[in-house]
C-alpha atoms as a PDB file:
ATOM      1  CA  MET A   1      45.919 -19.844  32.920  1.00  0.00           C
ATOM      2  CA  THR A   2      45.871 -21.993  29.834  1.00  0.00           C
ATOM      3  CA  LYS A   3      47.084 -19.336  27.398  1.00  0.00           C
ATOM      4  CA  ASP A   4      50.277 -19.380  29.392  1.00  0.00           C
ATOM      5  CA  PHE A   5      50.618 -23.116  29.431  1.00  0.00           C
ATOM      6  CA  HIS A   6      53.991 -24.495  28.371  1.00  0.00           C
ATOM      7  CA  GLU A   7      55.060 -28.173  28.571  1.00  0.00           C
ATOM      8  CA  PRO A   8      58.698 -28.279  27.667  1.00  0.00           C
ATOM      9  CA  LEU A   9      58.327 -32.057  26.935  1.00  0.00           C
ATOM     10  CA  LEU A  10      56.071 -31.130  23.930  1.00  0.00           C
ATOM     11  CA  ASP A  11      58.574 -28.513  22.445  1.00  0.00           C
ATOM     12  CA  ALA A  12      59.942 -31.177  20.244  1.00  0.00           C
ATOM     13  CA  PHE A  13      56.653 -31.516  18.446  1.00  0.00           C
ATOM     14  CA  THR A  14      56.191 -29.330  15.471  1.00  0.00           C
ATOM     15  CA  GLU A  15      52.913 -27.867  14.394  1.00  0.00           C
ATOM     16  CA  ARG A  16      51.056 -29.963  16.908  1.00  0.00           C
ATOM     17  CA  ALA A  17      49.669 -27.224  19.047  1.00  0.00           C
ATOM     18  CA  LYS A  18      48.596 -25.295  15.889  1.00  0.00           C
ATOM     19  CA  LEU A  19      46.783 -28.378  14.482  1.00  0.00           C
ATOM     20  CA  LEU A  20      44.851 -29.169  17.748  1.00  0.00           C
ATOM     21  CA  GLN A  21      44.002 -25.492  18.099  1.00  0.00           C
ATOM     22  CA  ASN A  22      42.188 -25.583  14.789  1.00  0.00           C
ATOM     23  CA  ILE A  23      39.978 -28.728  15.693  1.00  0.00           C
ATOM     24  CA  PHE A  24      36.912 -27.537  17.692  1.00  0.00           C
ATOM     25  CA  ARG A  25      34.818 -29.729  19.937  1.00  0.00           C
ATOM     26  CA  PHE A  26      30.959 -30.187  19.816  1.00  0.00           C
ATOM     27  CA  SER A  27      30.843 -29.260  16.088  1.00  0.00           C
ATOM     28  CA  MET A  28      27.746 -31.535  15.732  1.00  0.00           C
ATOM     29  CA  ILE A  29      25.869 -29.114  17.934  1.00  0.00           C
ATOM     30  CA  LYS A  30      24.919 -26.007  15.903  1.00  0.00           C
ATOM     31  CA  PRO A  31      25.214 -23.366  17.555  1.00  0.00           C
ATOM     32  CA  PHE A  32      27.713 -24.420  20.301  1.00  0.00           C
ATOM     33  CA  TYR A  33      28.908 -20.787  21.398  1.00  0.00           C
ATOM     34  CA  TYR A  34      31.720 -21.609  23.868  1.00  0.00           C
ATOM     35  CA  ALA A  35      33.237 -24.548  21.908  1.00  0.00           C
ATOM     36  CA  SER A  36      36.912 -24.960  22.910  1.00  0.00           C
ATOM     37  CA  SER A  37      39.753 -26.405  20.693  1.00  0.00           C
ATOM     38  CA  VAL A  38      41.100 -29.958  21.435  1.00  0.00           C
ATOM     39  CA  TRP A  39      44.383 -28.350  22.511  1.00  0.00           C
ATOM     40  CA  LEU A  40      42.610 -26.427  25.207  1.00  0.00           C
ATOM     41  CA  HIS A  41      40.667 -29.498  26.175  1.00  0.00           C
ATOM     42  CA  GLU A  42      43.842 -31.635  26.387  1.00  0.00           C
ATOM     43  CA  ILE A  43      45.266 -28.913  28.829  1.00  0.00           C
ATOM     44  CA  ARG A  44      42.194 -28.847  31.006  1.00  0.00           C
ATOM     45  CA  VAL A  45      42.084 -32.649  31.052  1.00  0.00           C
ATOM     46  CA  SER A  46      45.798 -32.702  32.119  1.00  0.00           C
ATOM     47  CA  LEU A  47      44.938 -30.254  34.977  1.00  0.00           C
ATOM     48  CA  LEU A  48      42.152 -32.559  36.133  1.00  0.00           C
ATOM     49  CA  VAL A  49      44.386 -35.703  35.995  1.00  0.00           C
ATOM     50  CA  THR A  50      46.978 -33.985  37.991  1.00  0.00           C
ATOM     51  CA  GLU A  51      44.649 -33.176  40.830  1.00  0.00           C
ATOM     52  CA  LEU A  52      42.948 -36.686  40.665  1.00  0.00           C
ATOM     53  CA  SER A  53      46.472 -38.331  40.760  1.00  0.00           C
ATOM     54  CA  LYS A  54      47.352 -36.500  44.113  1.00  0.00           C
ATOM     55  CA  ILE A  55      43.998 -37.855  45.543  1.00  0.00           C
ATOM     56  CA  ALA A  56      45.006 -41.508  44.226  1.00  0.00           C
ATOM     57  CA  VAL A  57      48.474 -41.164  45.775  1.00  0.00           C
ATOM     58  CA  GLU A  58      46.713 -40.133  49.038  1.00  0.00           C
ATOM     59  CA  LEU A  59      44.383 -43.022  48.879  1.00  0.00           C
ATOM     60  CA  GLY A  60      47.299 -45.350  48.381  1.00  0.00           C
ATOM     61  CA  ILE A  61      46.326 -46.173  44.796  1.00  0.00           C
ATOM     62  CA  PRO A  62      49.384 -47.044  42.607  1.00  0.00           C
ATOM     63  CA  VAL A  63      49.630 -44.424  39.931  1.00  0.00           C
ATOM     64  CA  ASN A  64      52.441 -43.286  37.681  1.00  0.00           C
ATOM     65  CA  THR A  65      51.653 -39.674  38.051  1.00  0.00           C
ATOM     66  CA  GLU A  66      53.809 -38.540  35.231  1.00  0.00           C
ATOM     67  CA  LYS A  67      52.413 -41.052  32.755  1.00  0.00           C
ATOM     68  CA  ALA A  68      48.985 -40.084  33.676  1.00  0.00           C
ATOM     69  CA  ARG A  69      49.597 -36.242  33.134  1.00  0.00           C
ATOM     70  CA  LEU A  70      51.475 -36.789  29.836  1.00  0.00           C
ATOM     71  CA  THR A  71      48.657 -39.172  28.678  1.00  0.00           C
ATOM     72  CA  ALA A  72      46.215 -36.440  29.371  1.00  0.00           C
ATOM     73  CA  LEU A  73      48.183 -33.975  27.216  1.00  0.00           C
ATOM     74  CA  VAL A  74      48.148 -36.231  24.193  1.00  0.00           C
ATOM     75  CA  HIS A  75      45.056 -38.086  24.689  1.00  0.00           C
ATOM     76  CA  ASP A  76      43.272 -36.631  21.613  1.00  0.00           C
ATOM     77  CA  ASP A  77      46.097 -36.217  19.343  1.00  0.00           C
ATOM     78  CA  ALA A  78      44.816 -38.958  16.947  1.00  0.00           C
ATOM     79  CA  GLU A  79      42.157 -36.240  15.984  1.00  0.00           C
ATOM     80  CA  ILE A  80      44.951 -34.514  14.282  1.00  0.00           C
ATOM     81  CA  VAL A  81      44.668 -37.131  11.598  1.00  0.00           C
ATOM     82  CA  MET A  82      41.058 -38.430  11.853  1.00  0.00           C
ATOM     83  CA  GLY A  83      39.196 -35.206  13.117  1.00  0.00           C
ATOM     84  CA  ASP A  84      37.030 -35.239  16.289  1.00  0.00           C
ATOM     85  CA  VAL A  85      34.585 -38.185  16.474  1.00  0.00           C
ATOM     86  CA  GLN A  86      31.809 -36.875  18.523  1.00  0.00           C
ATOM     87  CA  GLN A  87      30.519 -38.787  21.478  1.00  0.00           C
ATOM     88  CA  GLY A  88      27.025 -37.908  20.196  1.00  0.00           C
ATOM     89  CA  HIS A  89      27.777 -39.835  17.182  1.00  0.00           C
ATOM     90  CA  LYS A  90      29.375 -42.738  18.827  1.00  0.00           C
ATOM     91  CA  LEU A  91      26.317 -43.347  20.863  1.00  0.00           C
ATOM     92  CA  TYR A  92      24.404 -44.234  17.792  1.00  0.00           C
ATOM     93  CA  MET A  93      27.014 -46.428  16.115  1.00  0.00           C
ATOM     94  CA  THR A  94      26.808 -50.172  15.821  1.00  0.00           C
ATOM     95  CA  PRO A  95      29.563 -52.421  17.262  1.00  0.00           C
ATOM     96  CA  GLN A  96      31.001 -52.784  13.921  1.00  0.00           C
ATOM     97  CA  GLN A  97      31.035 -49.067  13.292  1.00  0.00           C
ATOM     98  CA  LEU A  98      32.582 -48.468  16.570  1.00  0.00           C
ATOM     99  CA  GLN A  99      35.276 -51.090  15.773  1.00  0.00           C
ATOM    100  CA  GLU A 100      35.952 -49.239  12.454  1.00  0.00           C
ATOM    101  CA  VAL A 101      36.476 -45.933  14.412  1.00  0.00           C
ATOM    102  CA  ASP A 102      39.047 -48.176  16.636  1.00  0.00           C
ATOM    103  CA  MET A 103      40.753 -49.255  13.486  1.00  0.00           C
ATOM    104  CA  GLN A 104      40.927 -45.630  12.090  1.00  0.00           C
ATOM    105  CA  GLU A 105      42.315 -44.481  15.467  1.00  0.00           C
ATOM    106  CA  THR A 106      45.054 -47.034  15.409  1.00  0.00           C
ATOM    107  CA  ALA A 107      45.866 -46.099  11.749  1.00  0.00           C
ATOM    108  CA  ALA A 108      46.066 -42.460  12.844  1.00  0.00           C
ATOM    109  CA  ILE A 109      48.474 -43.172  15.758  1.00  0.00           C
ATOM    110  CA  LYS A 110      50.751 -45.026  13.283  1.00  0.00           C
ATOM    111  CA  GLN A 111      50.711 -42.022  11.111  1.00  0.00           C
ATOM    112  CA  LEU A 112      51.249 -39.628  13.926  1.00  0.00           C
ATOM    113  CA  VAL A 113      54.277 -41.374  15.240  1.00  0.00           C
ATOM    114  CA  LYS A 114      56.115 -41.399  11.907  1.00  0.00           C
ATOM    115  CA  SER A 115      56.460 -37.605  12.193  1.00  0.00           C
ATOM    116  CA  SER A 116      56.653 -37.094  15.993  1.00  0.00           C
ATOM    117  CA  PRO A 117      59.255 -37.616  18.775  1.00  0.00           C
ATOM    118  CA  LEU A 118      59.503 -41.256  19.998  1.00  0.00           C
ATOM    119  CA  GLN A 119      59.938 -40.316  23.581  1.00  0.00           C
ATOM    120  CA  LEU A 120      57.732 -37.941  25.737  1.00  0.00           C
ATOM    121  CA  GLY A 121      59.658 -37.647  28.920  1.00  0.00           C
ATOM    122  CA  ASN A 122      60.188 -41.371  30.089  1.00  0.00           C
ATOM    123  CA  CYS A 123      57.160 -42.534  28.003  1.00  0.00           C
ATOM    124  CA  ILE A 124      56.845 -43.727  24.653  1.00  0.00           C
ATOM    125  CA  TYR A 125      54.513 -41.524  22.576  1.00  0.00           C
ATOM    126  CA  GLU A 126      53.012 -44.325  20.760  1.00  0.00           C
ATOM    127  CA  GLU A 127      52.260 -46.413  23.887  1.00  0.00           C
ATOM    128  CA  LEU A 128      50.439 -43.557  25.399  1.00  0.00           C
ATOM    129  CA  LEU A 129      48.302 -43.000  22.393  1.00  0.00           C
ATOM    130  CA  THR A 130      47.504 -46.812  22.166  1.00  0.00           C
ATOM    131  CA  ASP A 131      46.844 -46.989  25.866  1.00  0.00           C
ATOM    132  CA  VAL A 132      44.263 -44.228  25.485  1.00  0.00           C
ATOM    133  CA  LEU A 133      42.670 -46.160  22.710  1.00  0.00           C
ATOM    134  CA  HIS A 134      42.446 -49.439  24.640  1.00  0.00           C
ATOM    135  CA  LYS A 135      42.327 -48.060  28.368  1.00  0.00           C
ATOM    136  CA  THR A 136      44.214 -50.910  29.802  1.00  0.00           C
ATOM    137  CA  SER A 137      46.204 -48.970  32.506  1.00  0.00           C
ATOM    138  CA  PHE A 138      44.861 -47.182  35.557  1.00  0.00           C
ATOM    139  CA  GLU A 139      46.313 -43.927  34.101  1.00  0.00           C
ATOM    140  CA  ALA A 140      44.427 -44.212  30.808  1.00  0.00           C
ATOM    141  CA  GLN A 141      41.373 -44.948  32.603  1.00  0.00           C
ATOM    142  CA  LEU A 142      41.939 -41.959  34.850  1.00  0.00           C
ATOM    143  CA  VAL A 143      42.285 -39.880  31.699  1.00  0.00           C
ATOM    144  CA  SER A 144      39.133 -41.253  30.258  1.00  0.00           C
ATOM    145  CA  TYR A 145      37.328 -40.167  33.448  1.00  0.00           C
ATOM    146  CA  ALA A 146      38.665 -36.601  33.431  1.00  0.00           C
ATOM    147  CA  ASP A 147      38.051 -36.546  29.691  1.00  0.00           C
ATOM    148  CA  ARG A 148      34.362 -37.121  30.427  1.00  0.00           C
ATOM    149  CA  VAL A 149      34.336 -34.630  33.399  1.00  0.00           C
ATOM    150  CA  ASP A 150      35.630 -31.969  31.213  1.00  0.00           C
ATOM    151  CA  ALA A 151      33.221 -32.570  28.444  1.00  0.00           C
ATOM    152  CA  TYR A 152      30.366 -32.443  31.029  1.00  0.00           C
ATOM    153  CA  CYS A 153      31.741 -29.087  32.270  1.00  0.00           C
ATOM    154  CA  GLU A 154      31.951 -27.708  28.726  1.00  0.00           C
ATOM    155  CA  SER A 155      28.297 -28.844  28.294  1.00  0.00           C
ATOM    156  CA  LEU A 156      27.168 -27.323  31.454  1.00  0.00           C
ATOM    157  CA  HIS A 157      28.895 -24.032  30.706  1.00  0.00           C
ATOM    158  CA  GLU A 158      27.069 -23.890  27.285  1.00  0.00           C
ATOM    159  CA  LEU A 159      23.820 -24.702  28.975  1.00  0.00           C
ATOM    160  CA  PHE A 160      24.212 -22.056  31.786  1.00  0.00           C
ATOM    161  CA  GLY A 161      25.323 -19.552  28.934  1.00  0.00           C
ATOM    162  CA  GLY A 162      21.841 -19.899  27.581  1.00  0.00           C
ATOM    163  CA  ASN A 163      22.182 -22.635  24.809  1.00  0.00           C
ATOM    164  CA  MET A 164      19.351 -25.072  25.438  1.00  0.00           C
ATOM    165  CA  LEU A 165      20.814 -27.503  22.772  1.00  0.00           C
ATOM    166  CA  ALA A 166      23.602 -28.287  25.387  1.00  0.00           C
ATOM    167  CA  VAL A 167      20.896 -30.132  27.492  1.00  0.00           C
ATOM    168  CA  TYR A 168      21.598 -33.360  25.482  1.00  0.00           C
ATOM    169  CA  PRO A 169      25.345 -33.576  26.028  1.00  0.00           C
ATOM    170  CA  VAL A 170      24.683 -32.565  29.614  1.00  0.00           C
ATOM    171  CA  LEU A 171      22.555 -35.550  30.241  1.00  0.00           C
ATOM    172  CA  THR A 172      24.696 -37.801  28.062  1.00  0.00           C
ATOM    173  CA  TYR A 173      27.712 -37.103  29.900  1.00  0.00           C
ATOM    174  CA  ASP A 174      25.908 -37.399  33.216  1.00  0.00           C
ATOM    175  CA  ARG A 175      24.897 -40.898  32.284  1.00  0.00           C
ATOM    176  CA  LEU A 176      28.286 -41.817  31.018  1.00  0.00           C
ATOM    177  CA  LEU A 177      30.042 -40.656  34.080  1.00  0.00           C
ATOM    178  CA  ALA A 178      27.642 -42.858  36.241  1.00  0.00           C
ATOM    179  CA  THR A 179      29.060 -46.043  34.388  1.00  0.00           C
ATOM    180  CA  TYR A 180      32.584 -45.474  35.378  1.00  0.00           C
ATOM    181  CA  PRO A 181      32.682 -47.420  38.721  1.00  0.00           C
ATOM    182  CA  ASN A 182      31.437 -50.517  37.028  1.00  0.00           C
ATOM    183  CA  LYS A 183      33.214 -49.990  33.666  1.00  0.00           C
ATOM    184  CA  PHE A 184      36.718 -49.297  35.500  1.00  0.00           C
ATOM    185  CA  PRO A 185      36.741 -50.947  38.877  1.00  0.00           C
ATOM    186  CA  HIS A 186      40.154 -49.854  39.684  1.00  0.00           C
ATOM    187  CA  LEU A 187      38.771 -46.314  39.620  1.00  0.00           C
ATOM    188  CA  GLN A 188      36.206 -47.009  42.413  1.00  0.00           C
ATOM    189  CA  PRO A 189      38.130 -45.898  45.584  1.00  0.00           C
ATOM    190  CA  LEU A 190      39.021 -42.709  43.800  1.00  0.00           C
ATOM    191  CA  LEU A 191      35.367 -41.984  42.407  1.00  0.00           C
ATOM    192  CA  ALA A 192      34.098 -42.703  46.001  1.00  0.00           C
ATOM    193  CA  TYR A 193      36.162 -39.956  47.449  1.00  0.00           C
ATOM    194  CA  GLN A 194      34.115 -37.194  49.046  1.00  0.00           C
ATOM    195  CA  ASP A 195      36.588 -34.700  50.125  1.00  0.00           C
ATOM    196  CA  SER A 196      37.342 -33.033  46.846  1.00  0.00           C
ATOM    197  CA  PRO A 197      35.323 -30.348  45.052  1.00  0.00           C
END
C-alpha cells in the first residue's frame, strides 16, 4: 500500500521523500532487522491519524481532519536536518538536554522552511512543524499518539520476528502510551473508545 502512496500536496517539495527514505528508525538498536525509513513511518502515522480522526468525529470531538493528516505526513521532517533523535536516548536525557534538542528542532524547522513550499494545502508548513514540536493542538497530540502507536507496532514486529533486543522498545512504548490520557486530557474520550481494533 505505501509503495504506491502519493500525496499531491507534497509534490512541490523537492528531494524531501528521498531524504526521508534515507533516514532509518531504531538505529540505536543493533541489529534491528525490520527498521523502516522515516518516510514510510510518516505515511503509516498519517493512515493511523486518518482512522483516529474518523473516530474523533464520530465521538463529537472537534478535529481538523485535514490538518491532522497533513501534520502526520510531515511530523518528522525536521529529521532531514537533525537526524533521528531516538526515543531511547531521550529517556536518559536531562531536562537541559531535552531543551537543547527542542532548540535544535526549532532551528531545523527554520532551516527547512527556507527551501520548502510555504503552504501545504490550507496549512502553513512551518506552523505544522512547530505544532508537532510543542503539541499545543488536538491534531498534534493525536499525531503524537499515532506516532507512538506506530513505533510500538514496529517494535512488536521486530520482537515477533525473533529479535529479542526489541523487548526494550516494546516495554518503553507500552509505558509511554499509558501516559497519554493524563498527558493529553483532550485525547481521553478517544483513547477510551473500545470499538476499534
